[in-house]
């Protein structure tokens, strides 16, 4: 019985990765006594090398492999590592021959890349194309990494475009704000509360616990129908008239910002004080004052830096 232990990795073939460039020796196609480049072709970045490995190299590789196996072989009747090489050759000669070819091809391929000073961009492939009593020939195919020469950029001048903003650009920004910025005016002709109106109410949170005063919020403004109100709050005012009192309960979510109300069902009372309707501003002093500026010219001066910042971002990109 023969047992092999701790058999070393003897190299790999097929696809191999190479990523290091090694300085070349003196020019020539001879890789050593037992290896040489038979032919080579190139097309753009693609390379193809036909490489010959002599029978002497292959046989020497087989002997080296068998010697390694013999050192670790165990056979009944022989001490460990003392099995005769002839017996090892009869037992492992065929598999050793296949393995040694793989090792010799890998060794020759790597030596070509080193001696030719080639940096490979992808894994190379190897295929045996011919074998006889003199040795074997294989083809190695791969792509090389192109060489780039970086130019000196220290003296390059970069021009950054600085936009010139006229009043039309500032007017455009203010116009966009104007369309979204509603002008709420009291609607004294409104008979009852409807959707999309704004109402002003006094709201009372009625406490259920004894000895606790009801909480009051004066002049609370609500846009009827807005979806961001808790528990569809504004629906309780639909159809209400000025000075009318409405009572209702609200379920507050557990994550409500007012911790005193969060997660509770609270009874409310509210009195409708005013009904307002939305109108559009003109691009004038009245609109500017609604933004917090004294007149329209000051509002335009405020808008210009925002327009400049927008074009500056485009310039930086």
Protein backbone atom coordinates (compact mmCIF):
# COMPACT_ATOMS: atom_id res chain seq x y z
CA UNK A 1 0.00 0.00 0.00
CA UNK A 2 1.32 3.44 -0.96
CA UNK A 3 0.29 6.65 0.83
CA UNK A 4 1.28 10.20 -0.12
CA UNK A 5 1.13 12.98 2.48
CA UNK A 6 1.50 16.77 2.18
CA UNK A 7 2.00 16.66 -1.59
CA UNK A 8 3.08 20.18 -2.66
CA UNK A 9 1.39 22.21 -5.35
CA UNK A 10 3.45 21.70 -8.49
CA UNK A 11 2.03 24.63 -10.49
CA UNK A 12 -1.07 25.28 -12.52
CA UNK A 13 -1.69 25.63 -16.21
CA UNK A 14 -4.55 26.62 -18.51
CA UNK A 15 -5.54 30.11 -17.44
CA UNK A 16 -2.98 32.00 -15.36
CA UNK A 17 -2.98 35.55 -14.05
CA UNK A 18 0.06 37.74 -14.45
CA UNK A 19 0.17 41.33 -13.33
CA UNK A 20 3.83 42.23 -12.68
CA UNK A 21 6.29 43.57 -15.24
CA UNK A 22 9.88 42.33 -14.76
CA UNK A 23 12.84 44.05 -16.50
CA UNK A 24 13.98 41.99 -19.52
CA UNK A 25 17.37 40.33 -20.04
CA UNK A 26 19.45 40.78 -23.20
CA UNK A 27 17.34 40.57 -26.42
CA UNK A 28 16.73 37.18 -28.00
CA UNK A 29 14.15 34.46 -28.39
CA UNK A 30 15.99 31.72 -26.46
CA UNK A 31 14.46 31.11 -23.02
CA UNK A 32 17.13 28.65 -21.89
CA UNK A 33 18.65 25.38 -23.04
CA UNK A 34 15.33 23.55 -23.22
CA UNK A 35 12.80 26.28 -24.15
CA UNK A 36 12.47 28.73 -27.03
CA UNK A 37 9.98 30.97 -28.84
CA UNK A 38 9.10 29.44 -32.21
CA UNK A 39 6.80 32.17 -33.48
CA UNK A 40 4.94 35.23 -32.25
CA UNK A 41 2.25 37.49 -33.72
CA UNK A 42 0.54 40.67 -32.58
CA UNK A 43 -2.66 42.48 -33.53
CA UNK A 44 -3.43 45.67 -31.65
CA UNK A 45 -3.23 44.62 -27.98
CA UNK A 46 -3.58 40.90 -28.73
CA UNK A 47 -0.50 38.68 -28.64
CA UNK A 48 0.11 35.05 -29.65
CA UNK A 49 3.34 33.14 -28.84
CA UNK A 50 4.27 29.63 -30.01
CA UNK A 51 6.71 28.18 -27.49
CA UNK A 52 8.75 24.97 -27.73
CA UNK A 53 9.63 22.90 -24.64
CA UNK A 54 12.26 20.16 -25.24
CA UNK A 55 11.90 16.51 -24.27
CA UNK A 56 14.84 16.97 -21.89
CA UNK A 57 12.92 19.64 -20.00
CA UNK A 58 9.79 17.50 -19.85
CA UNK A 59 11.70 14.41 -18.66
CA UNK A 60 13.57 16.43 -16.04
CA UNK A 61 10.25 17.79 -14.79
CA UNK A 62 8.85 14.24 -14.54
CA UNK A 63 11.93 13.12 -12.57
CA UNK A 64 11.61 16.07 -10.18
CA UNK A 65 7.97 15.25 -9.58
CA UNK A 66 8.62 11.56 -8.98
CA UNK A 67 11.44 12.42 -6.59
CA UNK A 68 9.04 14.55 -4.57
CA UNK A 69 6.49 11.73 -4.53
CA UNK A 70 9.16 9.21 -3.47
CA UNK A 71 10.15 11.35 -0.48
CA UNK A 72 6.60 11.18 0.88
CA UNK A 73 5.55 7.70 -0.30
CA UNK A 74 4.85 4.90 2.18
CA UNK A 75 4.90 1.31 0.94
CA UNK A 76 4.71 -1.88 2.96
CA UNK A 77 8.24 -3.38 3.25
CA UNK A 78 10.03 -0.03 2.83
CA UNK A 79 10.81 2.71 5.27
CA UNK A 80 8.96 6.03 4.66
CA UNK A 81 10.67 7.95 1.87
CA UNK A 82 12.85 4.98 0.85
CA UNK A 83 10.64 3.46 -1.88
CA UNK A 84 12.81 2.90 -5.00
CA UNK A 85 12.29 5.42 -7.82
CA UNK A 86 11.63 2.64 -10.36
CA UNK A 87 8.65 1.47 -8.33
CA UNK A 88 7.39 5.04 -7.95
CA UNK A 89 7.78 5.54 -11.71
CA UNK A 90 5.72 2.42 -12.52
CA UNK A 91 2.99 3.48 -10.10
CA UNK A 92 2.80 7.23 -10.90
CA UNK A 93 4.61 7.63 -14.21
CA UNK A 94 1.52 8.40 -16.33
CA UNK A 95 -0.03 10.93 -13.97
CA UNK A 96 3.41 12.45 -13.32
CA UNK A 97 3.92 12.92 -17.06
CA UNK A 98 0.62 14.85 -17.39
CA UNK A 99 1.36 16.94 -14.32
CA UNK A 100 4.90 17.72 -15.47
CA UNK A 101 3.65 18.97 -18.85
CA UNK A 102 1.36 21.37 -17.02
CA UNK A 103 4.22 22.54 -14.80
CA UNK A 104 6.66 22.96 -17.74
CA UNK A 105 4.11 24.92 -19.81
CA UNK A 106 3.35 27.24 -16.88
CA UNK A 107 7.07 27.79 -16.23
CA UNK A 108 7.78 28.52 -19.91
CA UNK A 109 4.78 30.88 -20.22
CA UNK A 110 5.79 32.93 -17.21
CA UNK A 111 9.39 33.11 -18.42
CA UNK A 112 8.24 34.43 -21.81
CA UNK A 113 6.24 37.19 -20.15
CA UNK A 114 9.23 38.06 -17.99
CA UNK A 115 11.86 37.98 -20.71
CA UNK A 116 9.68 39.87 -23.20
CA UNK A 117 8.82 42.48 -20.54
CA UNK A 118 5.08 42.04 -21.04
CA UNK A 119 2.33 43.26 -18.72
CA UNK A 120 -0.79 41.21 -19.30
CA UNK A 121 -4.22 42.86 -18.95
CA UNK A 122 -6.19 39.60 -18.76
CA UNK A 123 -5.42 35.97 -17.95
CA UNK A 124 -3.39 34.21 -20.60
CA UNK A 125 -4.43 30.85 -22.13
CA UNK A 126 -2.20 27.96 -23.22
CA UNK A 127 -2.96 25.08 -25.60
CA UNK A 128 -0.68 22.27 -26.82
CA UNK A 129 -0.51 22.31 -30.63
CA UNK A 130 2.12 19.60 -31.24
CA UNK A 131 4.06 16.90 -29.36
CA UNK A 132 6.66 14.32 -30.51
CA UNK A 133 9.88 12.66 -29.35
CA UNK A 134 11.68 16.03 -29.44
CA UNK A 135 9.27 17.80 -27.10
CA UNK A 136 6.05 19.78 -27.29
CA UNK A 137 4.92 23.08 -28.74
CA UNK A 138 2.15 25.17 -27.21
CA UNK A 139 0.50 28.48 -28.08
CA UNK A 140 -0.01 31.19 -25.47
CA UNK A 141 -2.57 33.94 -26.14
CA UNK A 142 -3.19 37.09 -24.14
CA UNK A 143 -3.75 40.86 -24.28
CA UNK A 144 -1.20 43.40 -23.08
CA UNK A 145 -1.83 46.53 -21.02
CA UNK A 146 -1.39 49.59 -23.27
CA UNK A 147 1.24 52.10 -22.26
CA UNK A 148 0.07 55.61 -21.46
CA UNK A 149 2.21 58.69 -21.27
CA UNK A 150 0.73 61.32 -18.99
CA UNK A 151 1.25 64.88 -20.08
CA UNK A 152 2.36 67.61 -17.70
CA UNK A 153 -0.83 69.33 -16.56
CA UNK A 154 0.82 71.71 -14.09
CA UNK A 155 0.86 74.52 -16.65
CA UNK A 156 -2.66 74.02 -17.99
CA UNK A 157 -4.98 76.95 -17.54
CA UNK A 158 -8.56 76.33 -16.50
CA UNK A 159 -11.20 78.90 -17.32
CA UNK A 160 -14.19 79.12 -15.02
CA UNK A 161 -17.21 80.82 -16.48
CA UNK A 162 -18.85 83.37 -14.19
CA UNK A 163 -22.47 83.94 -15.19
CA UNK A 164 -23.86 87.43 -15.63
CA UNK A 165 -27.36 87.61 -14.25
CA UNK A 166 -29.89 90.07 -15.61
CA UNK A 167 -33.23 90.99 -14.10
CA UNK A 168 -35.10 88.46 -16.23
CA UNK A 169 -33.27 85.59 -14.49
CA UNK A 170 -34.21 86.93 -11.05
CA UNK A 171 -37.77 87.56 -12.24
CA UNK A 172 -37.99 83.92 -13.35
CA UNK A 173 -37.16 82.65 -9.87
CA UNK A 174 -39.60 85.06 -8.23
CA UNK A 175 -42.29 84.08 -10.73
CA UNK A 176 -41.88 80.40 -9.79
CA UNK A 177 -42.22 81.34 -6.10
CA UNK A 178 -45.21 83.56 -6.81
CA UNK A 179 -47.17 80.70 -8.38
CA UNK A 180 -46.71 78.56 -5.27
CA UNK A 181 -47.06 81.37 -2.73
CA UNK A 182 -50.80 81.88 -2.22
CA UNK A 183 -52.30 85.17 -1.14
CA UNK A 184 -54.94 84.33 1.47
CA UNK A 185 -57.72 86.89 1.84
CA UNK A 186 -60.73 86.78 4.13
CA UNK A 187 -63.82 85.68 2.23
CA UNK A 188 -66.66 87.55 3.92
CA UNK A 189 -69.15 86.18 1.41
CA UNK A 190 -68.41 82.52 2.25
CA UNK A 191 -71.42 80.86 3.83
CA UNK A 192 -69.74 77.66 4.99
CA UNK A 193 -66.37 75.87 5.11
CA UNK A 194 -65.34 74.01 1.96
CA UNK A 195 -62.23 72.16 0.76
CA UNK A 196 -59.14 74.18 -0.22
CA UNK A 197 -60.20 77.09 1.96
CA UNK A 198 -58.11 78.29 4.88
CA UNK A 199 -59.88 78.69 8.21
CA UNK A 200 -58.81 80.37 11.42
CA UNK A 201 -60.06 78.67 14.58
CA UNK A 202 -59.69 78.66 18.34
CA UNK A 203 -58.97 75.04 19.33
CA UNK A 204 -59.54 73.53 22.80
CA UNK A 205 -58.09 70.19 23.94
CA UNK A 206 -60.64 68.94 26.46
CA UNK A 207 -58.92 67.08 29.32
CA UNK A 208 -60.61 64.01 30.77
CA UNK A 209 -58.61 64.05 33.99
CA UNK A 210 -59.87 66.06 36.94
CA UNK A 211 -57.98 69.15 38.07
CA UNK A 212 -56.49 69.67 34.61
CA UNK A 213 -57.35 72.75 32.63
CA UNK A 214 -58.39 72.54 29.01
CA UNK A 215 -55.60 73.54 26.63
CA UNK A 216 -56.38 76.34 24.14
CA UNK A 217 -54.67 77.24 20.85
CA UNK A 218 -55.82 80.63 19.56
CA UNK A 219 -55.98 81.67 15.89
CA UNK A 220 -54.86 78.30 14.52
CA UNK A 221 -54.72 78.34 10.70
CA UNK A 222 -55.78 75.20 8.81
CA UNK A 223 -56.08 74.54 5.07
CA UNK A 224 -59.11 72.32 4.68
CA UNK A 225 -58.36 69.04 2.93
CA UNK A 226 -54.57 69.01 3.46
CA UNK A 227 -53.41 65.42 3.78
CA UNK A 228 -50.64 66.10 6.30
CA UNK A 229 -53.07 66.93 9.12
CA UNK A 230 -53.33 64.29 11.84
CA UNK A 231 -56.28 61.87 11.60
CA UNK A 232 -57.87 63.85 8.73
CA UNK A 233 -58.32 66.72 11.19
CA UNK A 234 -59.93 69.25 8.84
CA UNK A 235 -62.87 67.04 7.84
CA UNK A 236 -64.61 67.99 11.08
CA UNK A 237 -65.03 71.58 9.84
CA UNK A 238 -66.63 70.89 6.45
CA UNK A 239 -69.96 72.71 6.25
CA UNK A 240 -69.33 74.79 9.38
CA UNK A 241 -70.32 78.47 9.47
CA UNK A 242 -68.57 81.46 11.02
CA UNK A 243 -68.79 81.38 14.87
CA UNK A 244 -70.03 77.77 14.78
CA UNK A 245 -68.62 75.39 17.42
CA UNK A 246 -67.64 71.84 16.51
CA UNK A 247 -66.74 69.01 18.92
CA UNK A 248 -64.87 65.87 17.84
CA UNK A 249 -62.23 63.35 18.94
CA UNK A 250 -58.80 62.80 17.41
CA UNK A 251 -56.61 59.68 17.62
CA UNK A 252 -53.01 60.89 17.87
CA UNK A 253 -50.26 58.55 16.64
CA UNK A 254 -47.69 57.26 19.12
CA UNK A 255 -44.92 59.21 17.37
CA UNK A 256 -46.78 62.54 17.52
CA UNK A 257 -44.34 65.38 18.34
CA UNK A 258 -46.42 66.62 21.29
CA UNK A 259 -45.76 63.86 23.86
CA UNK A 260 -48.74 64.97 25.95
CA UNK A 261 -51.03 63.93 23.08
CA UNK A 262 -49.04 61.05 21.51
CA UNK A 263 -50.89 57.75 21.46
CA UNK A 264 -54.07 59.19 22.97
CA UNK A 265 -57.66 59.78 21.90
CA UNK A 266 -58.34 63.44 22.72
CA UNK A 267 -61.68 65.25 22.61
CA UNK A 268 -61.58 68.70 21.02
CA UNK A 269 -63.80 71.73 20.71
CA UNK A 270 -63.19 74.34 18.02
CA UNK A 271 -64.78 77.66 17.05
CA UNK A 272 -64.56 78.83 13.41
CA UNK A 273 -63.51 82.51 13.41
CA UNK A 274 -62.68 83.28 9.75
CA UNK A 275 -62.82 81.71 6.30
CA UNK A 276 -60.14 82.71 3.76
CA UNK A 277 -59.80 82.07 0.02
CA UNK A 278 -56.59 81.81 -2.01
CA UNK A 279 -55.71 84.37 -4.68
CA UNK A 280 -52.50 84.89 -6.66
CA UNK A 281 -50.07 87.69 -5.96
CA UNK A 282 -48.94 90.05 -8.65
CA UNK A 283 -45.16 90.40 -9.06
CA UNK A 284 -45.20 93.65 -7.10
CA UNK A 285 -44.38 95.24 -3.75
CA UNK A 286 -47.23 93.42 -2.04
CA UNK A 287 -45.76 90.07 -3.08
CA UNK A 288 -42.28 91.18 -1.97
CA UNK A 289 -43.59 92.17 1.46
CA UNK A 290 -45.17 88.71 1.86
CA UNK A 291 -41.64 87.29 1.46
CA UNK A 292 -40.26 89.68 4.06
CA UNK A 293 -38.78 92.34 1.75
CA UNK A 294 -39.71 96.00 1.60
CA UNK A 295 -40.32 96.22 -2.15
CA UNK A 296 -39.95 94.19 -5.36
CA UNK A 297 -36.46 95.52 -6.13
CA UNK A 298 -35.15 94.22 -2.81
CA UNK A 299 -36.77 90.86 -3.54
CA UNK A 300 -34.93 90.72 -6.90
CA UNK A 301 -31.62 91.46 -5.20
CA UNK A 302 -32.34 88.60 -2.83
CA UNK A 303 -33.10 86.24 -5.75
CA UNK A 304 -29.95 86.97 -7.80
CA UNK A 305 -27.44 85.04 -5.61
CA UNK A 306 -29.58 81.91 -5.90
CA UNK A 307 -29.54 82.15 -9.71
CA UNK A 308 -25.76 82.74 -9.66
CA UNK A 309 -25.29 79.68 -7.42
CA UNK A 310 -27.28 77.53 -9.87
CA UNK A 311 -25.10 78.51 -12.84
CA UNK A 312 -21.92 78.20 -10.75
CA UNK A 313 -22.77 74.56 -10.03
CA UNK A 314 -23.19 73.96 -13.75
CA UNK A 315 -19.83 75.67 -14.41
CA UNK A 316 -18.08 73.52 -11.77
CA UNK A 317 -19.42 70.35 -13.38
